[in-house]
Amino acid sequence: MFLLDLLGFSLDEKFKVYFSCTSYFYFKNGHQTVFLI
């Protein structure tokens, strides 16, 4: 997530991006590990 910090994303924006990414990979890969950091 530090890359988003460098881009100046706010905490709320980082959460939205992270949630969107994890949701995408969850539905794409089924029940594989979602909480990748």
Protein backbone atom coordinates (compact mmCIF):
# COMPACT_ATOMS: atom_id res chain seq x y z
CA MET A 1 0.00 0.00 0.00
CA PHE A 2 3.02 2.28 0.28
CA LEU A 3 2.82 2.92 -3.47
CA LEU A 4 -0.55 4.56 -2.92
CA ASP A 5 1.00 6.71 -0.20
CA LEU A 6 3.56 7.93 -2.72
CA LEU A 7 0.74 8.80 -5.10
CA GLY A 8 -0.95 10.85 -2.41
CA PHE A 9 -4.03 8.68 -1.94
CA SER A 10 -6.08 9.36 1.13
CA LEU A 11 -6.91 6.57 3.60
CA ASP A 12 -10.47 6.37 2.28
CA GLU A 13 -9.27 6.07 -1.30
CA LYS A 14 -6.77 3.38 -0.34
CA PHE A 15 -9.55 1.40 1.32
CA LYS A 16 -11.74 1.68 -1.77
CA VAL A 17 -8.93 0.52 -4.04
CA TYR A 18 -7.94 -2.33 -1.71
CA PHE A 19 -11.55 -3.47 -1.33
CA SER A 20 -12.10 -3.36 -5.08
CA CYS A 21 -8.94 -5.37 -5.77
CA THR A 22 -9.64 -8.00 -3.13
CA SER A 23 -13.23 -8.34 -4.32
CA TYR A 24 -12.08 -8.76 -7.92
CA PHE A 25 -9.53 -11.45 -7.07
CA TYR A 26 -12.00 -13.17 -4.74
CA PHE A 27 -14.63 -13.58 -7.45
CA LYS A 28 -12.00 -14.40 -10.08
CA ASN A 29 -10.15 -17.05 -8.08
CA GLY A 30 -12.94 -18.40 -5.93
CA HIS A 31 -11.96 -19.10 -2.33
CA GLN A 32 -8.22 -18.71 -2.74
CA THR A 33 -6.35 -16.32 -0.46
CA VAL A 34 -7.90 -12.88 -0.77
CA PHE A 35 -6.05 -10.84 1.83
CA LEU A 36 -2.79 -10.48 -0.06
CA ILE A 37 -0.65 -7.53 0.98
